[in-house]
C-alpha atoms as a PDB file:
ATOM      1  CA  UNK A   1     -18.075   3.820  -3.830  1.00  0.00           C
ATOM      2  CA  UNK A   2     -18.538   0.147  -3.016  1.00  0.00           C
ATOM      3  CA  UNK A   3     -17.131   0.170   0.524  1.00  0.00           C
ATOM      4  CA  UNK A   4     -18.711  -2.147   3.090  1.00  0.00           C
ATOM      5  CA  UNK A   5     -17.945   0.172   6.008  1.00  0.00           C
ATOM      6  CA  UNK A   6     -19.175   3.273   4.167  1.00  0.00           C
ATOM      7  CA  UNK A   7     -22.457   1.402   3.665  1.00  0.00           C
ATOM      8  CA  UNK A   8     -22.596   0.687   7.422  1.00  0.00           C
ATOM      9  CA  UNK A   9     -21.958   4.384   8.146  1.00  0.00           C
ATOM     10  CA  UNK A  10     -24.738   5.329   5.706  1.00  0.00           C
ATOM     11  CA  UNK A  11     -27.138   2.827   7.289  1.00  0.00           C
ATOM     12  CA  UNK A  12     -27.449   0.788   4.105  1.00  0.00           C
ATOM     13  CA  UNK A  13     -26.031  -2.328   5.800  1.00  0.00           C
ATOM     14  CA  UNK A  14     -27.012  -3.167   9.385  1.00  0.00           C
ATOM     15  CA  UNK A  15     -24.440  -3.565  12.133  1.00  0.00           C
ATOM     16  CA  UNK A  16     -24.696  -4.217  15.865  1.00  0.00           C
ATOM     17  CA  UNK A  17     -23.640  -0.689  16.778  1.00  0.00           C
ATOM     18  CA  UNK A  18     -22.392   0.059  20.254  1.00  0.00           C
ATOM     19  CA  UNK A  19     -21.485   3.717  19.732  1.00  0.00           C
ATOM     20  CA  UNK A  20     -21.804   6.491  17.187  1.00  0.00           C
ATOM     21  CA  UNK A  21     -20.938  10.177  17.107  1.00  0.00           C
ATOM     22  CA  UNK A  22     -20.189  12.755  14.407  1.00  0.00           C
ATOM     23  CA  UNK A  23     -16.790  11.206  13.600  1.00  0.00           C
ATOM     24  CA  UNK A  24     -16.880   7.450  14.275  1.00  0.00           C
ATOM     25  CA  UNK A  25     -19.041   4.351  14.517  1.00  0.00           C
ATOM     26  CA  UNK A  26     -18.260   1.357  16.733  1.00  0.00           C
ATOM     27  CA  UNK A  27     -19.903  -2.021  16.246  1.00  0.00           C
ATOM     28  CA  UNK A  28     -19.458  -5.676  17.162  1.00  0.00           C
ATOM     29  CA  UNK A  29     -17.283  -7.782  14.840  1.00  0.00           C
ATOM     30  CA  UNK A  30     -19.293 -10.311  12.807  1.00  0.00           C
ATOM     31  CA  UNK A  31     -16.691 -13.032  13.517  1.00  0.00           C
ATOM     32  CA  UNK A  32     -15.500 -12.285  17.063  1.00  0.00           C
ATOM     33  CA  UNK A  33     -12.101 -13.597  18.122  1.00  0.00           C
ATOM     34  CA  UNK A  34     -12.600 -12.755  21.812  1.00  0.00           C
ATOM     35  CA  UNK A  35     -15.532 -12.368  24.223  1.00  0.00           C
ATOM     36  CA  UNK A  36     -15.350  -8.634  23.465  1.00  0.00           C
ATOM     37  CA  UNK A  37     -14.453  -7.837  19.846  1.00  0.00           C
ATOM     38  CA  UNK A  38     -15.604  -4.655  18.218  1.00  0.00           C
ATOM     39  CA  UNK A  39     -14.447  -2.277  15.506  1.00  0.00           C
ATOM     40  CA  UNK A  40     -14.102   1.486  15.592  1.00  0.00           C
ATOM     41  CA  UNK A  41     -14.243   3.101  12.153  1.00  0.00           C
ATOM     42  CA  UNK A  42     -14.181   6.711  11.025  1.00  0.00           C
ATOM     43  CA  UNK A  43     -17.196   7.982   9.146  1.00  0.00           C
ATOM     44  CA  UNK A  44     -14.743   9.571   6.711  1.00  0.00           C
ATOM     45  CA  UNK A  45     -13.500   7.053   4.170  1.00  0.00           C
ATOM     46  CA  UNK A  46      -9.757   6.508   4.532  1.00  0.00           C
ATOM     47  CA  UNK A  47      -8.607   3.364   2.728  1.00  0.00           C
ATOM     48  CA  UNK A  48      -5.477   2.394   4.683  1.00  0.00           C
ATOM     49  CA  UNK A  49      -3.232   3.687   7.449  1.00  0.00           C
ATOM     50  CA  UNK A  50      -0.921   4.867   4.672  1.00  0.00           C
ATOM     51  CA  UNK A  51      -3.695   7.232   3.550  1.00  0.00           C
ATOM     52  CA  UNK A  52      -4.027   9.069   6.878  1.00  0.00           C
ATOM     53  CA  UNK A  53      -3.020  12.706   6.342  1.00  0.00           C
ATOM     54  CA  UNK A  54      -1.971  15.460   8.715  1.00  0.00           C
ATOM     55  CA  UNK A  55      -5.517  16.845   8.691  1.00  0.00           C
ATOM     56  CA  UNK A  56      -6.699  13.430  10.005  1.00  0.00           C
ATOM     57  CA  UNK A  57      -4.573  13.556  13.197  1.00  0.00           C
ATOM     58  CA  UNK A  58      -7.454  14.597  15.459  1.00  0.00           C
ATOM     59  CA  UNK A  59      -9.684  11.933  13.903  1.00  0.00           C
ATOM     60  CA  UNK A  60      -7.023   9.256  14.484  1.00  0.00           C
ATOM     61  CA  UNK A  61      -6.764  10.298  18.129  1.00  0.00           C
ATOM     62  CA  UNK A  62     -10.544  10.219  18.458  1.00  0.00           C
ATOM     63  CA  UNK A  63     -10.604   6.651  17.109  1.00  0.00           C
ATOM     64  CA  UNK A  64      -8.073   5.579  19.776  1.00  0.00           C
ATOM     65  CA  UNK A  65      -9.838   7.448  22.575  1.00  0.00           C
ATOM     66  CA  UNK A  66     -13.194   5.942  21.596  1.00  0.00           C
ATOM     67  CA  UNK A  67     -11.677   2.439  21.522  1.00  0.00           C
ATOM     68  CA  UNK A  68     -10.197   2.846  25.006  1.00  0.00           C
ATOM     69  CA  UNK A  69     -13.380   4.277  26.503  1.00  0.00           C
ATOM     70  CA  UNK A  70     -15.632   1.589  25.015  1.00  0.00           C
ATOM     71  CA  UNK A  71     -13.237  -1.232  25.970  1.00  0.00           C
ATOM     72  CA  UNK A  72     -13.387  -0.112  29.579  1.00  0.00           C
ATOM     73  CA  UNK A  73     -17.180   0.318  29.463  1.00  0.00           C
ATOM     74  CA  UNK A  74     -17.482  -3.242  28.119  1.00  0.00           C
ATOM     75  CA  UNK A  75     -15.496  -4.741  30.998  1.00  0.00           C
ATOM     76  CA  UNK A  76     -11.969  -4.827  29.605  1.00  0.00           C
ATOM     77  CA  UNK A  77     -10.270  -2.636  32.206  1.00  0.00           C
ATOM     78  CA  UNK A  78      -7.896  -5.522  33.016  1.00  0.00           C
ATOM     79  CA  UNK A  79      -6.455  -5.285  29.517  1.00  0.00           C
ATOM     80  CA  UNK A  80      -7.327  -5.435  25.863  1.00  0.00           C
ATOM     81  CA  UNK A  81      -5.681  -5.453  22.454  1.00  0.00           C
ATOM     82  CA  UNK A  82      -6.107  -2.960  19.637  1.00  0.00           C
ATOM     83  CA  UNK A  83      -5.041  -3.765  16.084  1.00  0.00           C
ATOM     84  CA  UNK A  84      -5.250  -2.008  12.753  1.00  0.00           C
ATOM     85  CA  UNK A  85      -4.193  -3.975   9.685  1.00  0.00           C
ATOM     86  CA  UNK A  86      -2.668  -2.161   6.712  1.00  0.00           C
ATOM     87  CA  UNK A  87      -2.769  -3.501   3.166  1.00  0.00           C
ATOM     88  CA  UNK A  88      -2.688  -7.133   2.061  1.00  0.00           C
ATOM     89  CA  UNK A  89       0.574  -8.104   3.787  1.00  0.00           C
ATOM     90  CA  UNK A  90      -0.785  -6.639   7.022  1.00  0.00           C
ATOM     91  CA  UNK A  91      -3.983  -8.681   6.765  1.00  0.00           C
ATOM     92  CA  UNK A  92      -6.346  -5.868   5.748  1.00  0.00           C
ATOM     93  CA  UNK A  93      -9.467  -7.189   4.001  1.00  0.00           C
ATOM     94  CA  UNK A  94     -11.781  -4.152   4.112  1.00  0.00           C
ATOM     95  CA  UNK A  95     -10.134  -1.062   2.671  1.00  0.00           C
ATOM     96  CA  UNK A  96     -11.597   1.477   5.098  1.00  0.00           C
ATOM     97  CA  UNK A  97      -9.435   1.926   8.190  1.00  0.00           C
ATOM     98  CA  UNK A  98     -10.797   0.194  11.244  1.00  0.00           C
ATOM     99  CA  UNK A  99      -9.460  -0.467  14.686  1.00  0.00           C
ATOM    100  CA  UNK A 100     -10.139  -3.920  16.156  1.00  0.00           C
ATOM    101  CA  UNK A 101     -10.572  -3.997  19.935  1.00  0.00           C
ATOM    102  CA  UNK A 102     -10.387  -7.430  21.600  1.00  0.00           C
ATOM    103  CA  UNK A 103     -10.720  -8.220  25.277  1.00  0.00           C
ATOM    104  CA  UNK A 104     -11.897 -10.397  28.149  1.00  0.00           C
ATOM    105  CA  UNK A 105      -9.436 -13.163  27.353  1.00  0.00           C
ATOM    106  CA  UNK A 106      -5.674 -13.552  27.611  1.00  0.00           C
ATOM    107  CA  UNK A 107      -3.950 -12.307  24.468  1.00  0.00           C
ATOM    108  CA  UNK A 108      -0.864 -14.128  23.184  1.00  0.00           C
ATOM    109  CA  UNK A 109       2.276 -12.869  21.492  1.00  0.00           C
ATOM    110  CA  UNK A 110       3.210 -12.944  18.716  1.00  0.00           C
ATOM    111  CA  UNK A 111      -0.307 -12.498  17.369  1.00  0.00           C
ATOM    112  CA  UNK A 112       0.287 -14.446  14.134  1.00  0.00           C
END
């Protein structure tokens, strides 16, 4: 498999990790769009949101819980945005699900 995020999980590509457990890895985005901008990815390879299965429900919840906890730990208790892109029309560029967490600046709507 030639997946960038799988290589980060395996330790083959370095990342500025901020958290890791048995299920997920969180690391700073390489092109941050906010003072706080990190990704939470599952260690299990799931290509898109459309590929999440019933057996992945607990994992999906763990991704969200981890994002919320880390956002608050990193000073975003006043608010933050989470986003997960799906497929080309949704803006997905790496086909391994990942949750973007952005904070410490005012977010606008619509996002673009």
